[in-house]
Amino acid sequence: MSRSHKLIIRAKTFRAWFEHNLKDSARDIANHGADGGFPYITYTSDTVAVFDRFADELWEMMADEAESMGENVGTFIGQFRRADMLATVDTFKNLVVWYACERVSREMTEKDD
C-alpha cells in the first residue's frame, strides 16, 4: 500500500528521525512490534524512504547485532518474526526499518525503566 505524497526526512540519523517522529510510541513499539500501525512506518512507501535515507546506519545496526550473536546479517534477518516479508526489495526495506524501530524503542524504554 502506498500514499500519494513523499515522506520528507530532514534528520541526519535514524535515531534522530525516530526520536522526532516516534518517541511517544516507543513503549508501544517495544511491547507490541513496529507492524502495529504507527505513524510514518505503516505505509511501505514511507518505510522505503526511511530505509533509503538511512541505509548505511540501518545495515550497520543489523550487522553489529548479528555479529554480537555470532551470525552473519543474512542469517540474522532470516530469523526475524516477519521474515515472510523478504519477497521483494521494498518489503525487505520495510522489514529493516521495523527492526530498527523496535531496537531503538527497546533501548529507549530500557533506559527509562
Protein backbone atom coordinates (compact mmCIF):
# COMPACT_ATOMS: atom_id res chain seq x y z
CA MET A 1 0.00 0.00 0.00
CA SER A 2 1.33 3.46 -0.74
CA ARG A 3 0.33 7.05 -0.34
CA SER A 4 0.31 9.83 -2.89
CA HIS A 5 2.83 12.01 -1.06
CA LYS A 6 6.55 11.54 -0.50
CA LEU A 7 7.81 11.46 3.07
CA ILE A 8 10.29 14.28 3.69
CA ILE A 9 13.13 13.35 6.02
CA ARG A 10 15.33 16.08 7.43
CA ALA A 11 17.04 14.20 10.27
CA LYS A 12 20.73 13.37 9.94
CA THR A 13 20.49 9.97 11.67
CA PHE A 14 17.88 7.27 12.03
CA ARG A 15 17.85 7.66 15.81
CA ALA A 16 17.23 11.40 15.50
CA TRP A 17 14.44 10.71 12.99
CA PHE A 18 12.91 8.12 15.34
CA GLU A 19 13.06 10.41 18.36
CA HIS A 20 11.44 13.23 16.41
CA ASN A 21 8.66 11.12 14.89
CA LEU A 22 8.05 8.06 17.07
CA LYS A 23 9.38 8.78 20.56
CA ASP A 24 5.86 8.92 22.02
CA SER A 25 5.12 5.47 20.57
CA ALA A 26 8.41 3.88 21.69
CA ARG A 27 6.94 1.87 24.56
CA ASP A 28 4.11 0.52 22.39
CA ILE A 29 6.54 -0.37 19.59
CA ALA A 30 8.87 -2.10 22.07
CA ASN A 31 5.99 -4.08 23.60
CA HIS A 32 3.93 -4.91 20.51
CA GLY A 33 6.18 -4.56 17.47
CA ALA A 34 6.50 -1.97 14.74
CA ASP A 35 3.93 -3.63 12.48
CA GLY A 36 1.04 -2.36 14.61
CA GLY A 37 0.22 0.69 12.50
CA PHE A 38 2.33 3.57 13.80
CA PRO A 39 2.82 6.95 12.09
CA TYR A 40 5.49 7.03 9.36
CA ILE A 41 6.03 3.25 9.43
CA THR A 42 2.65 1.95 8.27
CA TYR A 43 2.96 2.53 4.54
CA THR A 44 5.68 0.75 2.58
CA SER A 45 6.36 3.91 0.56
CA ASP A 46 7.25 5.69 3.82
CA THR A 47 9.44 2.91 5.20
CA VAL A 48 11.25 2.68 1.86
CA ALA A 49 12.01 6.41 2.08
CA VAL A 50 13.31 5.95 5.64
CA PHE A 51 15.44 2.98 4.59
CA ASP A 52 16.84 4.81 1.57
CA ARG A 53 17.79 7.82 3.72
CA PHE A 54 19.48 5.78 6.49
CA ALA A 55 20.50 2.56 4.71
CA ASP A 56 24.12 2.54 5.90
CA GLU A 57 23.16 3.20 9.52
CA LEU A 58 20.42 0.56 9.46
CA TRP A 59 22.72 -2.03 7.90
CA GLU A 60 25.41 -1.28 10.49
CA MET A 61 22.84 -1.68 13.26
CA MET A 62 21.88 -5.13 11.96
CA ALA A 63 25.48 -6.15 11.31
CA ASP A 64 26.55 -5.19 14.84
CA GLU A 65 23.71 -7.14 16.42
CA ALA A 66 24.27 -10.15 14.13
CA GLU A 67 27.98 -10.17 14.94
CA SER A 68 27.27 -9.98 18.67
CA MET A 69 25.21 -13.16 18.23
CA GLY A 70 27.93 -14.86 16.18
CA GLU A 71 25.87 -14.73 12.98
CA ASN A 72 26.03 -13.05 9.60
CA VAL A 73 23.42 -10.47 8.61
CA GLY A 74 21.59 -12.82 6.24
CA THR A 75 21.07 -15.46 8.91
CA PHE A 76 20.10 -12.77 11.40
CA ILE A 77 17.45 -11.27 9.10
CA GLY A 78 16.10 -14.72 8.27
CA GLN A 79 15.19 -15.14 11.94
CA PHE A 80 13.00 -12.02 12.09
CA ARG A 81 9.43 -12.68 13.15
CA ARG A 82 8.19 -11.25 9.83
CA ALA A 83 10.80 -12.94 7.62
CA ASP A 84 7.89 -13.63 5.25
CA MET A 85 8.47 -10.04 4.08
CA LEU A 86 11.71 -10.87 2.26
CA ALA A 87 9.94 -11.42 -1.06
CA THR A 88 10.67 -8.00 -2.64
CA VAL A 89 13.20 -5.23 -2.17
CA ASP A 90 10.57 -2.83 -0.85
CA THR A 91 9.21 -5.28 1.73
CA PHE A 92 12.80 -6.07 2.76
CA LYS A 93 13.40 -2.35 3.32
CA ASN A 94 10.15 -2.17 5.30
CA LEU A 95 11.22 -5.08 7.48
CA VAL A 96 14.61 -3.50 8.20
CA VAL A 97 13.01 -0.20 9.23
CA TRP A 98 10.63 -2.08 11.54
CA TYR A 99 13.59 -3.93 13.04
CA ALA A 100 15.42 -0.65 13.67
CA CYS A 101 12.32 0.96 15.19
CA GLU A 102 11.87 -1.98 17.54
CA ARG A 103 15.53 -1.96 18.53
CA VAL A 104 15.64 1.78 19.22
CA SER A 105 12.32 1.51 21.08
CA ARG A 106 13.69 -1.22 23.33
CA GLU A 107 16.84 0.80 24.00
CA MET A 108 14.78 3.88 24.89
CA THR A 109 12.36 2.05 27.17
CA GLU A 110 15.15 0.11 28.91
CA LYS A 111 16.91 3.41 29.58
CA ASP A 112 13.70 4.90 31.03
CA ASP A 113 12.96 1.91 33.27
